[in-house]
């Protein structure tokens, strides 16, 4: 099986030349900001209830504070 030779990589920049404009831009960002600020991560929240109520929005804000 060739599966043992597979190498997974979640950094798309490794597939791009270091001299490519996007790579140069990322390098500049990394010199000034932590990687977590220049490449944000997103969380999808699903609920059977409407999340636009004041209580739901407060709960979402609290959740965002806890995971930040």
PDB file of N, CA and C in Angstrom:
ATOM      1  N   UNK A   1       0.839  -1.194   0.000  1.00  0.00           N
ATOM      2  CA  UNK A   1       0.000   0.000   0.000  1.00  0.00           C
ATOM      3  C   UNK A   1       0.881   1.252   0.000  1.00  0.00           C
ATOM      4  N   UNK A   2       0.518   2.207  -0.787  1.00  0.00           N
ATOM      5  CA  UNK A   2       1.268   3.463  -0.862  1.00  0.00           C
ATOM      6  C   UNK A   2       0.855   4.437   0.227  1.00  0.00           C
ATOM      7  N   UNK A   3      -0.170   4.089   1.000  1.00  0.00           N
ATOM      8  CA  UNK A   3      -0.662   5.002   2.034  1.00  0.00           C
ATOM      9  C   UNK A   3       0.407   5.301   3.073  1.00  0.00           C
ATOM     10  N   UNK A   4       1.296   4.369   3.319  1.00  0.00           N
ATOM     11  CA  UNK A   4       2.361   4.592   4.289  1.00  0.00           C
ATOM     12  C   UNK A   4       3.348   5.653   3.850  1.00  0.00           C
ATOM     13  N   UNK A   5       3.380   5.959   2.563  1.00  0.00           N
ATOM     14  CA  UNK A   5       4.298   6.964   2.039  1.00  0.00           C
ATOM     15  C   UNK A   5       3.660   8.344   1.923  1.00  0.00           C
ATOM     16  N   UNK A   6       2.386   8.445   2.207  1.00  0.00           N
ATOM     17  CA  UNK A   6       1.683   9.724   2.094  1.00  0.00           C
ATOM     18  C   UNK A   6       2.137  10.660   3.204  1.00  0.00           C
ATOM     19  N   UNK A   7       2.373  11.904   2.839  1.00  0.00           N
ATOM     20  CA  UNK A   7       2.721  12.929   3.825  1.00  0.00           C
ATOM     21  C   UNK A   7       1.684  14.035   3.707  1.00  0.00           C
ATOM     22  N   UNK A   8       0.944  14.218   4.770  1.00  0.00           N
ATOM     23  CA  UNK A   8      -0.099  15.236   4.761  1.00  0.00           C
ATOM     24  C   UNK A   8       0.490  16.556   5.221  1.00  0.00           C
ATOM     25  N   UNK A   9       0.071  17.619   4.564  1.00  0.00           N
ATOM     26  CA  UNK A   9       0.573  18.939   4.877  1.00  0.00           C
ATOM     27  C   UNK A   9      -0.595  19.915   4.795  1.00  0.00           C
ATOM     28  N   UNK A  10      -0.808  20.643   5.860  1.00  0.00           N
ATOM     29  CA  UNK A  10      -1.912  21.599   5.893  1.00  0.00           C
ATOM     30  C   UNK A  10      -1.420  23.032   5.694  1.00  0.00           C
ATOM     31  N   UNK A  11      -0.161  23.187   5.352  1.00  0.00           N
ATOM     32  CA  UNK A  11       0.410  24.506   5.090  1.00  0.00           C
ATOM     33  C   UNK A  11       0.528  24.679   3.577  1.00  0.00           C
ATOM     34  N   UNK A  12      -0.443  25.349   2.985  1.00  0.00           N
ATOM     35  CA  UNK A  12      -0.463  25.536   1.530  1.00  0.00           C
ATOM     36  C   UNK A  12       0.765  26.281   1.017  1.00  0.00           C
ATOM     37  N   UNK A  13       1.400  27.060   1.877  1.00  0.00           N
ATOM     38  CA  UNK A  13       2.552  27.844   1.439  1.00  0.00           C
ATOM     39  C   UNK A  13       3.743  26.973   1.064  1.00  0.00           C
ATOM     40  N   UNK A  14       3.806  25.747   1.581  1.00  0.00           N
ATOM     41  CA  UNK A  14       4.923  24.859   1.254  1.00  0.00           C
ATOM     42  C   UNK A  14       4.875  24.397  -0.199  1.00  0.00           C
ATOM     43  N   UNK A  15       3.719  24.512  -0.820  1.00  0.00           N
ATOM     44  CA  UNK A  15       3.574  24.102  -2.217  1.00  0.00           C
ATOM     45  C   UNK A  15       3.890  25.245  -3.180  1.00  0.00           C
ATOM     46  N   UNK A  16       4.153  26.434  -2.636  1.00  0.00           N
ATOM     47  CA  UNK A  16       4.396  27.624  -3.453  1.00  0.00           C
ATOM     48  C   UNK A  16       5.848  28.054  -3.281  1.00  0.00           C
ATOM     49  N   UNK A  17       6.448  28.524  -4.329  1.00  0.00           N
ATOM     50  CA  UNK A  17       7.829  29.004  -4.286  1.00  0.00           C
ATOM     51  C   UNK A  17       7.984  30.126  -3.260  1.00  0.00           C
ATOM     52  N   UNK A  18       9.108  30.146  -2.561  1.00  0.00           N
ATOM     53  CA  UNK A  18       9.366  31.191  -1.565  1.00  0.00           C
ATOM     54  C   UNK A  18       9.453  32.572  -2.199  1.00  0.00           C
ATOM     55  N   UNK A  19       9.719  32.628  -3.506  1.00  0.00           N
ATOM     56  CA  UNK A  19       9.818  33.923  -4.183  1.00  0.00           C
ATOM     57  C   UNK A  19       8.481  34.405  -4.750  1.00  0.00           C
ATOM     58  N   UNK A  20       7.446  33.586  -4.638  1.00  0.00           N
ATOM     59  CA  UNK A  20       6.121  33.987  -5.127  1.00  0.00           C
ATOM     60  C   UNK A  20       5.614  35.167  -4.301  1.00  0.00           C
ATOM     61  N   UNK A  21       4.906  36.104  -4.923  1.00  0.00           N
ATOM     62  CA  UNK A  21       4.416  37.277  -4.190  1.00  0.00           C
ATOM     63  C   UNK A  21       3.634  36.927  -2.918  1.00  0.00           C
ATOM     64  N   UNK A  22       2.822  35.891  -2.962  1.00  0.00           N
ATOM     65  CA  UNK A  22       2.054  35.534  -1.766  1.00  0.00           C
ATOM     66  C   UNK A  22       2.973  35.041  -0.653  1.00  0.00           C
ATOM     67  N   UNK A  23       4.020  34.290  -0.992  1.00  0.00           N
ATOM     68  CA  UNK A  23       4.971  33.816   0.017  1.00  0.00           C
ATOM     69  C   UNK A  23       5.749  34.977   0.623  1.00  0.00           C
ATOM     70  N   UNK A  24       6.140  35.917  -0.213  1.00  0.00           N
ATOM     71  CA  UNK A  24       6.860  37.101   0.267  1.00  0.00           C
ATOM     72  C   UNK A  24       5.967  37.898   1.222  1.00  0.00           C
ATOM     73  N   UNK A  25       4.691  38.027   0.873  1.00  0.00           N
ATOM     74  CA  UNK A  25       3.746  38.742   1.731  1.00  0.00           C
ATOM     75  C   UNK A  25       3.555  38.058   3.075  1.00  0.00           C
ATOM     76  N   UNK A  26       3.400  36.733   3.057  1.00  0.00           N
ATOM     77  CA  UNK A  26       3.265  35.990   4.316  1.00  0.00           C
ATOM     78  C   UNK A  26       4.517  36.142   5.174  1.00  0.00           C
ATOM     79  N   UNK A  27       5.684  36.103   4.564  1.00  0.00           N
ATOM     80  CA  UNK A  27       6.929  36.259   5.318  1.00  0.00           C
ATOM     81  C   UNK A  27       6.980  37.628   5.993  1.00  0.00           C
ATOM     82  N   UNK A  28       6.525  38.661   5.286  1.00  0.00           N
ATOM     83  CA  UNK A  28       6.491  40.005   5.874  1.00  0.00           C
ATOM     84  C   UNK A  28       5.526  40.054   7.056  1.00  0.00           C
ATOM     85  N   UNK A  29       4.364  39.432   6.910  1.00  0.00           N
ATOM     86  CA  UNK A  29       3.406  39.390   8.017  1.00  0.00           C
ATOM     87  C   UNK A  29       3.988  38.675   9.231  1.00  0.00           C
ATOM     88  N   UNK A  30       4.670  37.556   8.994  1.00  0.00           N
ATOM     89  CA  UNK A  30       5.225  36.771  10.098  1.00  0.00           C
ATOM     90  C   UNK A  30       6.314  37.518  10.854  1.00  0.00           C
ATOM     91  N   UNK A  31       6.981  38.454  10.202  1.00  0.00           N
ATOM     92  CA  UNK A  31       8.006  39.244  10.892  1.00  0.00           C
ATOM     93  C   UNK A  31       7.390  40.218  11.891  1.00  0.00           C
ATOM     94  N   UNK A  32       6.131  40.563  11.708  1.00  0.00           N
ATOM     95  CA  UNK A  32       5.510  41.587  12.536  1.00  0.00           C
ATOM     96  C   UNK A  32       4.361  41.092  13.409  1.00  0.00           C
ATOM     97  N   UNK A  33       3.769  39.952  13.059  1.00  0.00           N
ATOM     98  CA  UNK A  33       2.600  39.458  13.782  1.00  0.00           C
ATOM     99  C   UNK A  33       2.735  37.965  14.050  1.00  0.00           C
ATOM    100  N   UNK A  34       2.170  37.491  15.174  1.00  0.00           N
ATOM    101  CA  UNK A  34       2.142  36.045  15.411  1.00  0.00           C
ATOM    102  C   UNK A  34       1.340  35.350  14.309  1.00  0.00           C
ATOM    103  N   UNK A  35       1.680  34.099  14.027  1.00  0.00           N
ATOM    104  CA  UNK A  35       1.023  33.361  12.948  1.00  0.00           C
ATOM    105  C   UNK A  35      -0.487  33.267  13.168  1.00  0.00           C
ATOM    106  N   UNK A  36      -0.922  33.201  14.411  1.00  0.00           N
ATOM    107  CA  UNK A  36      -2.359  33.079  14.685  1.00  0.00           C
ATOM    108  C   UNK A  36      -3.126  34.352  14.331  1.00  0.00           C
ATOM    109  N   UNK A  37      -2.431  35.483  14.255  1.00  0.00           N
ATOM    110  CA  UNK A  37      -3.100  36.719  13.863  1.00  0.00           C
ATOM    111  C   UNK A  37      -3.113  36.908  12.353  1.00  0.00           C
ATOM    112  N   UNK A  38      -2.101  36.402  11.679  1.00  0.00           N
ATOM    113  CA  UNK A  38      -2.049  36.598  10.230  1.00  0.00           C
ATOM    114  C   UNK A  38      -2.815  35.525   9.465  1.00  0.00           C
ATOM    115  N   UNK A  39      -3.043  34.386  10.082  1.00  0.00           N
ATOM    116  CA  UNK A  39      -3.825  33.316   9.453  1.00  0.00           C
ATOM    117  C   UNK A  39      -4.897  32.888  10.459  1.00  0.00           C
ATOM    118  N   UNK A  40      -6.029  33.587  10.471  1.00  0.00           N
ATOM    119  CA  UNK A  40      -7.067  33.263  11.458  1.00  0.00           C
ATOM    120  C   UNK A  40      -7.698  31.899  11.205  1.00  0.00           C
ATOM    121  N   UNK A  41      -8.258  31.354  12.257  1.00  0.00           N
ATOM    122  CA  UNK A  41      -8.997  30.101  12.152  1.00  0.00           C
ATOM    123  C   UNK A  41     -10.465  30.406  12.400  1.00  0.00           C
ATOM    124  N   UNK A  42     -11.325  29.611  11.800  1.00  0.00           N
ATOM    125  CA  UNK A  42     -12.756  29.842  11.897  1.00  0.00           C
ATOM    126  C   UNK A  42     -13.439  28.641  12.524  1.00  0.00           C
ATOM    127  N   UNK A  43     -14.485  28.910  13.270  1.00  0.00           N
ATOM    128  CA  UNK A  43     -15.297  27.865  13.887  1.00  0.00           C
ATOM    129  C   UNK A  43     -16.726  28.047  13.401  1.00  0.00           C
ATOM    130  N   UNK A  44     -17.337  26.970  12.978  1.00  0.00           N
ATOM    131  CA  UNK A  44     -18.729  26.993  12.540  1.00  0.00           C
ATOM    132  C   UNK A  44     -19.599  26.531  13.697  1.00  0.00           C
ATOM    133  N   UNK A  45     -20.567  27.344  14.061  1.00  0.00           N
ATOM    134  CA  UNK A  45     -21.495  27.005  15.137  1.00  0.00           C
ATOM    135  C   UNK A  45     -22.861  26.769  14.514  1.00  0.00           C
ATOM    136  N   UNK A  46     -23.412  25.601  14.760  1.00  0.00           N
ATOM    137  CA  UNK A  46     -24.750  25.275  14.274  1.00  0.00           C
ATOM    138  C   UNK A  46     -25.652  25.043  15.470  1.00  0.00           C
ATOM    139  N   UNK A  47     -26.898  25.468  15.341  1.00  0.00           N
ATOM    140  CA  UNK A  47     -27.853  25.320  16.433  1.00  0.00           C
ATOM    141  C   UNK A  47     -29.251  25.145  15.858  1.00  0.00           C
ATOM    142  N   UNK A  48     -30.078  24.350  16.516  1.00  0.00           N
ATOM    143  CA  UNK A  48     -31.464  24.226  16.066  1.00  0.00           C
ATOM    144  C   UNK A  48     -32.277  25.482  16.392  1.00  0.00           C
ATOM    145  N   UNK A  49     -31.708  26.361  17.224  1.00  0.00           N
ATOM    146  CA  UNK A  49     -32.400  27.593  17.627  1.00  0.00           C
ATOM    147  C   UNK A  49     -31.798  28.796  16.913  1.00  0.00           C
ATOM    148  N   UNK A  50     -32.574  29.863  16.856  1.00  0.00           N
ATOM    149  CA  UNK A  50     -32.114  31.116  16.260  1.00  0.00           C
ATOM    150  C   UNK A  50     -31.021  31.711  17.148  1.00  0.00           C
ATOM    151  N   UNK A  51     -29.860  31.961  16.594  1.00  0.00           N
ATOM    152  CA  UNK A  51     -28.742  32.497  17.370  1.00  0.00           C
ATOM    153  C   UNK A  51     -28.679  34.024  17.344  1.00  0.00           C
ATOM    154  N   UNK A  52     -29.742  34.652  16.849  1.00  0.00           N
ATOM    155  CA  UNK A  52     -29.754  36.118  16.788  1.00  0.00           C
ATOM    156  C   UNK A  52     -30.443  36.765  17.975  1.00  0.00           C
ATOM    157  N   UNK A  53     -30.847  35.981  18.955  1.00  0.00           N
ATOM    158  CA  UNK A  53     -31.484  36.552  20.148  1.00  0.00           C
ATOM    159  C   UNK A  53     -30.407  37.171  21.041  1.00  0.00           C
ATOM    160  N   UNK A  54     -30.783  38.111  21.905  1.00  0.00           N
ATOM    161  CA  UNK A  54     -29.794  38.720  22.796  1.00  0.00           C
ATOM    162  C   UNK A  54     -29.048  37.683  23.650  1.00  0.00           C
ATOM    163  N   UNK A  55     -29.752  36.696  24.174  1.00  0.00           N
ATOM    164  CA  UNK A  55     -29.093  35.683  25.003  1.00  0.00           C
ATOM    165  C   UNK A  55     -28.128  34.828  24.185  1.00  0.00           C
ATOM    166  N   UNK A  56     -28.556  34.432  22.985  1.00  0.00           N
ATOM    167  CA  UNK A  56     -27.680  33.619  22.138  1.00  0.00           C
ATOM    168  C   UNK A  56     -26.437  34.406  21.726  1.00  0.00           C
ATOM    169  N   UNK A  57     -26.605  35.685  21.405  1.00  0.00           N
ATOM    170  CA  UNK A  57     -25.457  36.512  21.039  1.00  0.00           C
ATOM    171  C   UNK A  57     -24.501  36.677  22.215  1.00  0.00           C
ATOM    172  N   UNK A  58     -25.048  36.824  23.418  1.00  0.00           N
ATOM    173  CA  UNK A  58     -24.207  36.909  24.613  1.00  0.00           C
ATOM    174  C   UNK A  58     -23.454  35.601  24.830  1.00  0.00           C
ATOM    175  N   UNK A  59     -24.128  34.484  24.617  1.00  0.00           N
ATOM    176  CA  UNK A  59     -23.482  33.177  24.757  1.00  0.00           C
ATOM    177  C   UNK A  59     -22.361  33.008  23.732  1.00  0.00           C
ATOM    178  N   UNK A  60     -22.610  33.433  22.496  1.00  0.00           N
ATOM    179  CA  UNK A  60     -21.583  33.346  21.458  1.00  0.00           C
ATOM    180  C   UNK A  60     -20.380  34.229  21.795  1.00  0.00           C
ATOM    181  N   UNK A  61     -20.650  35.406  22.312  1.00  0.00           N
ATOM    182  CA  UNK A  61     -19.569  36.311  22.705  1.00  0.00           C
ATOM    183  C   UNK A  61     -18.726  35.688  23.815  1.00  0.00           C
ATOM    184  N   UNK A  62     -19.390  35.076  24.781  1.00  0.00           N
ATOM    185  CA  UNK A  62     -18.672  34.423  25.877  1.00  0.00           C
ATOM    186  C   UNK A  62     -17.845  33.241  25.354  1.00  0.00           C
ATOM    187  N   UNK A  63     -18.414  32.474  24.451  1.00  0.00           N
ATOM    188  CA  UNK A  63     -17.691  31.349  23.872  1.00  0.00           C
ATOM    189  C   UNK A  63     -16.453  31.849  23.118  1.00  0.00           C
ATOM    190  N   UNK A  64     -16.605  32.916  22.346  1.00  0.00           N
ATOM    191  CA  UNK A  64     -15.478  33.476  21.601  1.00  0.00           C
ATOM    192  C   UNK A  64     -14.383  33.947  22.556  1.00  0.00           C
ATOM    193  N   UNK A  65     -14.769  34.555  23.661  1.00  0.00           N
ATOM    194  CA  UNK A  65     -13.798  35.015  24.655  1.00  0.00           C
ATOM    195  C   UNK A  65     -13.035  33.833  25.247  1.00  0.00           C
ATOM    196  N   UNK A  66     -13.745  32.746  25.532  1.00  0.00           N
ATOM    197  CA  UNK A  66     -13.112  31.576  26.154  1.00  0.00           C
ATOM    198  C   UNK A  66     -12.122  30.870  25.235  1.00  0.00           C
ATOM    199  N   UNK A  67     -12.387  30.854  23.947  1.00  0.00           N
ATOM    200  CA  UNK A  67     -11.494  30.125  23.050  1.00  0.00           C
ATOM    201  C   UNK A  67     -10.407  31.004  22.440  1.00  0.00           C
ATOM    202  N   UNK A  68     -10.523  32.316  22.626  1.00  0.00           N
ATOM    203  CA  UNK A  68      -9.519  33.231  22.054  1.00  0.00           C
ATOM    204  C   UNK A  68      -8.190  33.132  22.787  1.00  0.00           C
TER     205      UNK A  68
END
